[in-house]
C-alpha atoms as a PDB file:
ATOM      1  CA  MET A   1     142.508 -30.187-105.655  1.00  0.00           C
ATOM      2  CA  GLN A   2     142.766 -26.579-106.730  1.00  0.00           C
ATOM      3  CA  GLU A   3     139.816 -24.215-106.854  1.00  0.00           C
ATOM      4  CA  PHE A   4     137.769 -24.016-110.060  1.00  0.00           C
ATOM      5  CA  ASN A   5     138.879 -20.837-111.830  1.00  0.00           C
ATOM      6  CA  PRO A   6     137.495 -20.676-115.368  1.00  0.00           C
ATOM      7  CA  HIS A   7     139.074 -17.955-117.464  1.00  0.00           C
ATOM      8  CA  ILE A   8     140.085 -17.123-120.989  1.00  0.00           C
ATOM      9  CA  HIS A   9     143.025 -15.392-122.591  1.00  0.00           C
ATOM     10  CA  GLY A  10     142.956 -13.777-125.981  1.00  0.00           C
ATOM     11  CA  VAL A  11     144.569 -11.267-128.234  1.00  0.00           C
ATOM     12  CA  LEU A  12     141.970  -9.018-129.834  1.00  0.00           C
ATOM     13  CA  ALA A  13     142.126  -6.142-132.236  1.00  0.00           C
ATOM     14  CA  ASP A  14     141.540  -2.846-130.456  1.00  0.00           C
ATOM     15  CA  GLY A  15     137.894  -1.848-130.636  1.00  0.00           C
ATOM     16  CA  VAL A  16     136.549  -5.369-131.263  1.00  0.00           C
ATOM     17  CA  PHE A  17     135.127  -5.828-127.756  1.00  0.00           C
ATOM     18  CA  GLU A  18     134.197  -3.423-125.033  1.00  0.00           C
ATOM     19  CA  GLN A  19     135.348  -4.585-121.605  1.00  0.00           C
ATOM     20  CA  ASP A  20     131.803  -5.012-120.248  1.00  0.00           C
ATOM     21  CA  ALA A  21     130.576  -6.849-123.359  1.00  0.00           C
ATOM     22  CA  LEU A  22     133.444  -9.333-123.115  1.00  0.00           C
ATOM     23  CA  LYS A  23     132.685  -9.986-119.444  1.00  0.00           C
ATOM     24  CA  LYS A  24     128.968 -10.500-120.125  1.00  0.00           C
ATOM     25  CA  LEU A  25     129.658 -12.878-123.017  1.00  0.00           C
ATOM     26  CA  PHE A  26     132.008 -15.020-120.924  1.00  0.00           C
ATOM     27  CA  GLU A  27     129.612 -14.989-117.955  1.00  0.00           C
ATOM     28  CA  HIS A  28     126.660 -16.028-120.139  1.00  0.00           C
ATOM     29  CA  GLN A  29     128.547 -18.847-121.866  1.00  0.00           C
ATOM     30  CA  LEU A  30     130.004 -20.249-118.632  1.00  0.00           C
ATOM     31  CA  LEU A  31     126.712 -20.145-116.731  1.00  0.00           C
ATOM     32  CA  GLU A  32     124.965 -21.826-119.662  1.00  0.00           C
ATOM     33  CA  ILE A  33     127.516 -24.665-119.639  1.00  0.00           C
ATOM     34  CA  LEU A  34     127.184 -25.093-115.870  1.00  0.00           C
ATOM     35  CA  ARG A  35     123.382 -25.127-116.127  1.00  0.00           C
ATOM     36  CA  ASP A  36     123.394 -27.616-119.006  1.00  0.00           C
ATOM     37  CA  ASN A  37     125.601 -29.928-116.936  1.00  0.00           C
ATOM     38  CA  ALA A  38     123.301 -29.635-113.887  1.00  0.00           C
ATOM     39  CA  VAL A  39     125.962 -27.888-111.807  1.00  0.00           C
ATOM     40  CA  ILE A  40     123.776 -24.830-111.150  1.00  0.00           C
ATOM     41  CA  THR A  41     120.100 -23.973-111.535  1.00  0.00           C
ATOM     42  CA  GLU A  42     118.189 -21.243-113.346  1.00  0.00           C
ATOM     43  CA  THR A  43     117.345 -19.850-109.894  1.00  0.00           C
ATOM     44  CA  LEU A  44     121.028 -19.401-109.073  1.00  0.00           C
ATOM     45  CA  ILE A  45     121.685 -17.817-112.472  1.00  0.00           C
ATOM     46  CA  ALA A  46     118.853 -15.347-111.823  1.00  0.00           C
ATOM     47  CA  GLN A  47     120.262 -14.570-108.373  1.00  0.00           C
ATOM     48  CA  LEU A  48     123.728 -13.924-109.807  1.00  0.00           C
ATOM     49  CA  GLY A  49     122.178 -11.646-112.415  1.00  0.00           C
ATOM     50  CA  SER A  50     120.542  -9.544-109.719  1.00  0.00           C
ATOM     51  CA  TRP A  51     123.786  -8.898-107.824  1.00  0.00           C
ATOM     52  CA  LYS A  52     125.651  -5.647-108.341  1.00  0.00           C
ATOM     53  CA  HIS A  53     128.933  -7.625-108.521  1.00  0.00           C
ATOM     54  CA  SER A  54     128.427 -11.151-109.881  1.00  0.00           C
ATOM     55  CA  GLY A  55     132.069 -12.121-109.389  1.00  0.00           C
ATOM     56  CA  PHE A  56     132.863 -11.983-113.116  1.00  0.00           C
ATOM     57  CA  SER A  57     135.346  -9.484-114.482  1.00  0.00           C
ATOM     58  CA  ALA A  58     137.348  -8.674-117.586  1.00  0.00           C
ATOM     59  CA  TRP A  59     140.787  -7.143-117.711  1.00  0.00           C
ATOM     60  CA  LEU A  60     142.098  -5.518-120.829  1.00  0.00           C
ATOM     61  CA  GLY A  61     145.832  -5.001-120.904  1.00  0.00           C
ATOM     62  CA  PRO A  62     147.773  -2.219-122.547  1.00  0.00           C
ATOM     63  CA  GLU A  63     147.913  -1.861-126.307  1.00  0.00           C
ATOM     64  CA  ILE A  64     150.729  -3.669-128.068  1.00  0.00           C
ATOM     65  CA  GLN A  65     152.157  -1.519-130.816  1.00  0.00           C
ATOM     66  CA  PRO A  66     153.279  -3.163-134.085  1.00  0.00           C
ATOM     67  CA  GLU A  67     156.870  -2.029-133.559  1.00  0.00           C
ATOM     68  CA  ASP A  68     157.046  -3.517-130.016  1.00  0.00           C
ATOM     69  CA  SER A  69     158.556  -6.863-131.035  1.00  0.00           C
ATOM     70  CA  GLU A  70     159.404  -7.829-127.430  1.00  0.00           C
ATOM     71  CA  ALA A  71     155.762  -7.464-126.311  1.00  0.00           C
ATOM     72  CA  ARG A  72     154.495  -9.253-129.432  1.00  0.00           C
ATOM     73  CA  LEU A  73     156.850 -12.170-128.823  1.00  0.00           C
ATOM     74  CA  PHE A  74     155.871 -12.421-125.143  1.00  0.00           C
ATOM     75  CA  ILE A  75     152.128 -12.324-125.761  1.00  0.00           C
ATOM     76  CA  SER A  76     152.261 -14.779-128.669  1.00  0.00           C
ATOM     77  CA  GLY A  77     154.119 -17.297-126.500  1.00  0.00           C
ATOM     78  CA  TYR A  78     151.673 -16.786-123.660  1.00  0.00           C
ATOM     79  CA  VAL A  79     148.549 -17.231-125.803  1.00  0.00           C
ATOM     80  CA  ASN A  80     150.063 -20.250-127.548  1.00  0.00           C
ATOM     81  CA  LYS A  81     150.553 -22.094-124.213  1.00  0.00           C
ATOM     82  CA  ALA A  82     148.620 -25.322-123.801  1.00  0.00           C
ATOM     83  CA  GLN A  83     145.534 -24.746-121.675  1.00  0.00           C
ATOM     84  CA  LEU A  84     145.474 -28.305-120.327  1.00  0.00           C
ATOM     85  CA  LYS A  85     148.113 -30.937-119.850  1.00  0.00           C
ATOM     86  CA  LEU A  86     146.524 -33.997-121.399  1.00  0.00           C
ATOM     87  CA  SER A  87     148.729 -36.246-119.283  1.00  0.00           C
ATOM     88  CA  LYS A  88     147.082 -34.789-116.172  1.00  0.00           C
ATOM     89  CA  ILE A  89     143.459 -35.399-117.233  1.00  0.00           C
ATOM     90  CA  GLU A  90     141.622 -38.498-116.123  1.00  0.00           C
ATOM     91  CA  ILE A  91     138.165 -39.634-117.253  1.00  0.00           C
ATOM     92  CA  THR A  92     136.440 -41.656-114.553  1.00  0.00           C
ATOM     93  CA  ALA A  93     133.930 -44.458-115.013  1.00  0.00           C
ATOM     94  CA  ASP A  94     131.046 -41.988-114.628  1.00  0.00           C
ATOM     95  CA  ASP A  95     132.527 -39.687-117.345  1.00  0.00           C
ATOM     96  CA  THR A  96     133.587 -37.075-114.782  1.00  0.00           C
ATOM     97  CA  LEU A  97     136.747 -35.172-115.695  1.00  0.00           C
ATOM     98  CA  PHE A  98     139.466 -34.550-113.126  1.00  0.00           C
ATOM     99  CA  GLU A  99     142.738 -32.712-113.547  1.00  0.00           C
ATOM    100  CA  ASP A 100     145.471 -34.237-111.430  1.00  0.00           C
ATOM    101  CA  ASP A 101     147.879 -31.638-110.013  1.00  0.00           C
END
């Protein structure tokens, strides 16, 4: 089983998100989901919030100029990729999801 590595990919208009704001939004949403599913506790969330480096990060790539058709084609294909292979997902009797590699 591979390690849990939640992440997102997106194409955003320049100036829509600051790098730190995007990281904080993703961190908040993910921790909320984990808490709501009893994977982590409020205590752990508070501990993570007190750390200088929580383990979350955001990377913003270079700008893609309108005339750069090669970069636009590459990024559109990458973002359009399926995030999950439905044929690899199994729902167990206790409603736990597993992705079969």
